[in-house]
N, C-alpha and C. Protein backbone atom coordinates (compact mmCIF):
# COMPACT_ATOMS: atom_id res chain seq x y z
N MET A 1 140.91 -93.42 77.58
CA MET A 1 139.77 -93.02 76.88
C MET A 1 140.09 -91.91 75.81
N THR A 2 139.95 -92.20 74.37
CA THR A 2 140.33 -91.12 73.43
C THR A 2 139.21 -90.07 73.40
N ALA A 3 139.66 -89.12 72.65
CA ALA A 3 138.65 -87.41 72.41
C ALA A 3 137.29 -88.19 71.82
N PHE A 4 137.87 -88.88 70.70
CA PHE A 4 136.59 -89.57 70.05
C PHE A 4 135.57 -90.39 70.85
N GLN A 5 136.13 -91.07 71.66
CA GLN A 5 135.40 -91.99 72.63
C GLN A 5 134.57 -90.94 73.66
N VAL A 6 135.27 -89.88 74.07
CA VAL A 6 134.45 -89.06 74.87
C VAL A 6 133.10 -88.50 74.15
N VAL A 7 133.52 -88.29 72.85
CA VAL A 7 132.13 -87.64 72.26
C VAL A 7 130.96 -88.77 71.94
N ASP A 8 131.55 -90.02 71.96
CA ASP A 8 130.69 -90.88 71.88
C ASP A 8 129.55 -91.25 73.20
N VAL A 9 130.47 -90.64 74.37
CA VAL A 9 129.53 -91.16 75.45
C VAL A 9 129.18 -90.06 76.20
N TRP A 10 129.73 -88.81 75.63
CA TRP A 10 129.16 -87.55 76.50
C TRP A 10 128.05 -87.01 75.42
N THR A 11 126.79 -87.47 76.20
CA THR A 11 125.38 -87.07 75.41
C THR A 11 124.46 -86.14 76.57
N PRO A 12 124.82 -85.12 76.58
CA PRO A 12 124.21 -84.41 77.71
C PRO A 12 122.58 -84.07 77.27
N SER A 13 121.76 -84.00 78.12
CA SER A 13 120.24 -83.96 77.44
C SER A 13 120.05 -82.69 76.96
N TRP A 14 120.73 -81.63 77.49
CA TRP A 14 120.96 -80.17 76.95
C TRP A 14 121.15 -79.77 75.79
N CYS A 15 121.85 -80.66 75.03
CA CYS A 15 122.61 -80.34 73.50
C CYS A 15 121.56 -80.00 72.77
N GLY A 16 120.28 -80.69 72.58
CA GLY A 16 119.24 -80.44 71.57
C GLY A 16 119.80 -80.09 70.33
N PRO A 17 119.31 -79.34 69.62
CA PRO A 17 119.70 -78.60 68.08
C PRO A 17 121.23 -78.46 68.20
N LEU A 18 121.99 -78.04 69.25
CA LEU A 18 123.32 -77.43 69.24
C LEU A 18 124.20 -78.79 69.32
N ASP A 19 123.86 -79.93 69.29
CA ASP A 19 124.49 -81.16 69.12
C ASP A 19 125.15 -81.19 67.90
N MET A 20 126.44 -81.89 67.84
CA MET A 20 127.16 -81.81 66.76
C MET A 20 127.05 -83.38 65.92
N GLY A 21 125.97 -83.19 65.53
CA GLY A 21 125.71 -84.66 64.65
C GLY A 21 126.90 -85.05 63.71
N TYR A 22 127.50 -84.03 63.08
CA TYR A 22 128.48 -84.24 61.89
C TYR A 22 129.47 -84.66 62.60
N LEU A 23 129.83 -84.23 63.82
CA LEU A 23 131.37 -84.51 64.73
C LEU A 23 130.89 -86.01 65.08
N ARG A 24 129.62 -86.50 65.55
CA ARG A 24 129.22 -87.80 66.24
C ARG A 24 129.44 -88.87 64.85
N VAL A 25 129.17 -88.38 63.58
CA VAL A 25 129.20 -89.49 62.57
C VAL A 25 130.79 -89.56 62.29
N MET A 26 131.39 -88.75 62.09
CA MET A 26 132.70 -88.69 61.50
C MET A 26 133.48 -89.21 62.77
N SER A 27 133.21 -89.28 63.89
CA SER A 27 133.93 -89.55 64.99
C SER A 27 133.89 -91.16 65.04
N GLY A 28 132.57 -91.42 64.72
CA GLY A 28 132.26 -92.95 64.80
C GLY A 28 132.87 -93.90 63.33
N ALA A 29 133.10 -92.83 62.14
CA ALA A 29 134.02 -93.55 61.16
C ALA A 29 135.34 -93.59 61.63
N ILE A 30 135.73 -92.59 62.10
CA ILE A 30 137.22 -92.97 62.78
C ILE A 30 137.37 -94.00 63.66
N LEU A 31 136.65 -94.18 64.67
CA LEU A 31 136.68 -95.31 65.55
C LEU A 31 136.54 -96.56 64.86
N ALA A 32 135.48 -96.66 63.99
CA ALA A 32 135.36 -97.90 63.36
C ALA A 32 136.01 -98.11 62.14
N GLY A 33 137.20 -97.36 62.03
CA GLY A 33 138.14 -97.55 60.71
C GLY A 33 137.33 -97.76 59.42
N ARG A 34 136.14 -96.78 58.99
CA ARG A 34 135.32 -96.70 58.22
C ARG A 34 135.85 -95.70 57.29
N PHE A 35 136.54 -95.79 56.35
CA PHE A 35 136.99 -94.64 55.55
C PHE A 35 136.50 -94.59 54.05
N THR A 36 135.97 -95.95 53.55
CA THR A 36 135.46 -96.31 52.48
C THR A 36 134.03 -96.94 52.54
N PRO A 37 133.06 -96.40 51.59
CA PRO A 37 133.12 -95.83 50.61
C PRO A 37 133.22 -94.27 50.56
N PRO A 38 134.03 -93.62 49.86
CA PRO A 38 134.21 -92.09 50.42
C PRO A 38 133.23 -91.35 49.84
N ASN A 39 132.37 -90.25 50.93
CA ASN A 39 131.63 -89.23 50.17
C ASN A 39 132.35 -88.11 49.45
N VAL A 40 133.56 -87.92 49.88
CA VAL A 40 134.50 -87.00 49.37
C VAL A 40 135.88 -87.51 49.62
N GLN A 41 136.66 -87.70 48.46
CA GLN A 41 137.77 -88.32 48.62
C GLN A 41 138.77 -87.10 49.49
N VAL A 42 139.64 -87.80 50.22
CA VAL A 42 140.94 -86.91 50.46
C VAL A 42 141.50 -86.11 49.16
N THR A 43 141.81 -86.65 48.50
CA THR A 43 142.60 -85.99 46.79
C THR A 43 141.51 -84.81 46.51
N THR A 44 140.20 -85.05 46.41
CA THR A 44 139.42 -84.07 45.98
C THR A 44 139.24 -83.04 47.06
N ALA A 45 139.17 -83.20 48.42
CA ALA A 45 139.11 -82.35 49.49
C ALA A 45 140.43 -81.55 49.24
N ALA A 46 141.67 -82.25 48.91
CA ALA A 46 142.73 -81.43 48.98
C ALA A 46 142.87 -80.42 47.52
N GLN A 47 142.18 -80.89 46.37
CA GLN A 47 142.19 -79.89 45.38
C GLN A 47 141.40 -78.80 45.53
N VAL A 48 140.14 -79.11 46.30
CA VAL A 48 139.19 -77.99 46.25
C VAL A 48 140.06 -76.83 47.52
N ALA A 49 140.56 -77.45 48.70
CA ALA A 49 141.14 -76.70 49.65
C ALA A 49 142.16 -75.56 48.90
N ASN A 50 143.04 -76.33 47.81
CA ASN A 50 143.85 -75.46 47.11
C ASN A 50 143.60 -74.51 46.30
N LEU A 51 142.38 -74.97 45.81
CA LEU A 51 141.53 -74.02 44.87
C LEU A 51 140.96 -72.70 45.58
N ILE A 52 140.65 -72.80 46.84
CA ILE A 52 140.40 -71.82 47.74
C ILE A 52 141.22 -70.84 48.19
N VAL A 53 142.50 -71.39 48.52
CA VAL A 53 143.72 -70.94 49.03
C VAL A 53 144.12 -69.87 47.61
N GLU A 54 144.09 -70.61 46.38
CA GLU A 54 144.61 -69.86 45.54
C GLU A 54 143.41 -68.78 44.93
N ALA A 55 142.33 -68.70 45.41
CA ALA A 55 141.37 -67.71 45.01
C ALA A 55 141.54 -66.75 45.81
N GLY A 56 141.92 -66.98 47.26
CA GLY A 56 141.98 -66.01 48.18
C GLY A 56 143.44 -65.11 47.75
N GLU A 57 144.63 -65.73 47.37
CA GLU A 57 145.97 -65.15 46.99
C GLU A 57 145.42 -64.44 45.82
N SER A 58 144.74 -64.55 44.89
CA SER A 58 144.65 -63.73 43.46
C SER A 58 144.11 -62.65 44.21
N HIS A 59 143.42 -62.42 45.30
CA HIS A 59 142.77 -61.29 45.77
C HIS A 59 143.40 -60.68 46.75
N GLY A 60 144.60 -61.30 47.09
CA GLY A 60 145.33 -60.58 48.08
C GLY A 60 144.87 -61.00 49.99
N VAL A 61 144.23 -62.15 49.76
CA VAL A 61 143.81 -62.45 51.18
C VAL A 61 144.62 -63.66 51.18
N ARG A 62 145.01 -63.73 52.71
CA ARG A 62 145.55 -65.01 53.12
C ARG A 62 144.66 -65.74 53.90
N LEU A 63 144.40 -67.16 53.60
CA LEU A 63 143.42 -68.06 53.89
C LEU A 63 144.02 -69.01 55.04
N ASP A 64 144.74 -68.79 56.15
CA ASP A 64 145.85 -69.69 56.68
C ASP A 64 144.92 -71.06 56.81
N VAL A 65 143.83 -70.88 57.35
CA VAL A 65 143.22 -72.36 58.14
C VAL A 65 142.86 -72.82 56.77
N ALA A 66 142.44 -72.20 55.39
CA ALA A 66 142.24 -73.41 54.13
C ALA A 66 143.69 -73.76 53.80
N ALA A 67 144.82 -73.33 54.04
CA ALA A 67 146.18 -73.50 53.57
C ALA A 67 146.46 -74.64 54.47
N ALA A 68 146.31 -74.49 55.82
CA ALA A 68 146.44 -75.81 56.59
C ALA A 68 145.85 -76.98 56.44
N THR A 69 144.49 -76.88 56.16
CA THR A 69 143.51 -77.80 55.78
C THR A 69 144.01 -78.48 54.54
N ALA A 70 144.56 -77.88 53.64
CA ALA A 70 144.99 -78.48 52.27
C ALA A 70 146.45 -79.43 52.39
N GLU A 71 147.11 -78.58 53.38
CA GLU A 71 148.50 -79.34 54.10
C GLU A 71 147.96 -80.70 54.43
N ARG A 72 147.01 -80.71 55.46
CA ARG A 72 146.54 -81.57 56.09
C ARG A 72 146.12 -82.97 55.09
N PHE A 73 145.42 -82.66 54.25
CA PHE A 73 144.85 -83.43 53.25
C PHE A 73 145.91 -84.08 52.59
N ARG A 74 146.88 -83.48 52.19
CA ARG A 74 148.05 -83.72 51.19
C ARG A 74 148.74 -84.56 52.25
N ARG A 75 149.13 -84.41 53.54
CA ARG A 75 149.72 -85.55 54.15
C ARG A 75 149.00 -87.06 54.44
N ALA A 76 147.73 -86.68 54.18
CA ALA A 76 146.81 -87.98 54.60
C ALA A 76 146.92 -88.88 53.24
N ALA A 77 146.94 -88.04 52.04
CA ALA A 77 147.02 -88.49 50.77
C ALA A 77 148.49 -89.28 50.85
N GLU A 78 149.27 -89.00 51.28
CA GLU A 78 150.67 -89.19 51.17
C GLU A 78 150.90 -90.43 51.92
N LYS A 79 150.14 -90.65 52.99
CA LYS A 79 150.06 -91.75 53.71
C LYS A 79 148.95 -93.01 53.38
N GLY A 80 148.78 -92.73 52.05
CA GLY A 80 147.70 -94.01 51.52
C GLY A 80 146.36 -93.61 51.55
N HIS A 81 145.80 -92.61 51.77
CA HIS A 81 144.43 -92.51 52.14
C HIS A 81 143.99 -91.44 50.96
N GLY A 82 144.60 -91.22 49.71
CA GLY A 82 144.30 -90.40 49.11
C GLY A 82 142.56 -90.81 48.35
N GLN A 83 142.51 -91.96 48.26
CA GLN A 83 141.12 -92.50 47.83
C GLN A 83 139.83 -92.67 48.76
N SER A 84 140.16 -92.46 49.99
CA SER A 84 139.33 -92.76 51.27
C SER A 84 138.70 -91.76 51.55
N ASP A 85 137.50 -91.50 52.57
CA ASP A 85 136.98 -90.35 52.91
C ASP A 85 137.74 -89.15 53.29
N LEU A 86 137.29 -88.01 53.40
CA LEU A 86 138.12 -87.12 53.93
C LEU A 86 138.37 -87.34 55.48
N VAL A 87 137.67 -87.70 55.87
CA VAL A 87 137.66 -88.24 57.31
C VAL A 87 138.89 -89.01 57.76
N ALA A 88 139.38 -89.55 56.64
CA ALA A 88 140.61 -90.37 56.81
C ALA A 88 142.06 -89.42 56.99
N SER A 89 141.55 -87.96 56.79
CA SER A 89 142.72 -86.79 57.25
C SER A 89 143.11 -87.02 58.72
N TYR A 90 142.47 -87.67 59.46
CA TYR A 90 142.62 -88.00 60.75
C TYR A 90 144.00 -88.60 60.85
N HIS A 91 144.55 -89.38 59.82
CA HIS A 91 145.82 -90.09 59.81
C HIS A 91 147.13 -89.05 59.94
N ALA A 92 146.55 -87.71 59.19
CA ALA A 92 147.71 -86.76 59.21
C ALA A 92 148.18 -86.13 60.43
N SER A 93 147.36 -86.55 61.70
CA SER A 93 147.80 -86.45 62.83
C SER A 93 148.71 -86.82 63.57
N PHE A 94 149.46 -87.90 62.65
CA PHE A 94 150.60 -88.75 63.41
C PHE A 94 151.64 -88.59 62.53
N ASP A 95 152.71 -88.64 63.18
CA ASP A 95 154.23 -88.76 62.53
C ASP A 95 154.36 -90.20 62.48
N ASN A 96 154.05 -90.85 63.79
CA ASN A 96 154.81 -92.34 63.57
C ASN A 96 153.30 -92.99 63.93
N GLY A 97 151.88 -92.99 63.80
CA GLY A 97 151.21 -93.51 64.07
C GLY A 97 150.36 -94.39 63.21
N PRO A 98 149.23 -94.28 63.09
CA PRO A 98 148.34 -94.74 61.79
C PRO A 98 148.80 -94.35 60.59
N ASP A 99 149.29 -94.75 59.74
CA ASP A 99 149.99 -94.41 58.38
C ASP A 99 149.77 -94.96 57.11
N ARG A 100 148.86 -96.00 57.31
CA ARG A 100 148.75 -96.55 55.85
C ARG A 100 147.05 -96.94 55.81
N ALA A 101 146.41 -96.71 54.68
CA ALA A 101 145.09 -97.04 54.08
C ALA A 101 144.96 -98.26 54.70
N ASP A 102 143.75 -98.41 55.46
CA ASP A 102 143.39 -99.68 56.12
C ASP A 102 141.92 -99.98 55.79
N GLY A 103 141.41 -99.29 54.83
CA GLY A 103 140.19 -99.65 54.57
C GLY A 103 139.26 -98.37 53.81
């Protein structure tokens, strides 16, 4: 069972407003292989993340998480997912796994 499948079946009644609806929607897209049509393309997300990093740097602030996010989007685009929804950045998690755009 993958982490995404755990999210799918783990539905405690006490979650209520603290439930992570976005995580459920995005993990569902990954499980179903639904990366198009994109809400936000991987390439656009990468550009925005890079702008955030540059803005921080111009003010002497290191934004390590934003930089890592930009790198993750770059790797996903490099694997053929540039025009896919940003959830396709999932593919950047693998060196030798899912590596080409499949939808």
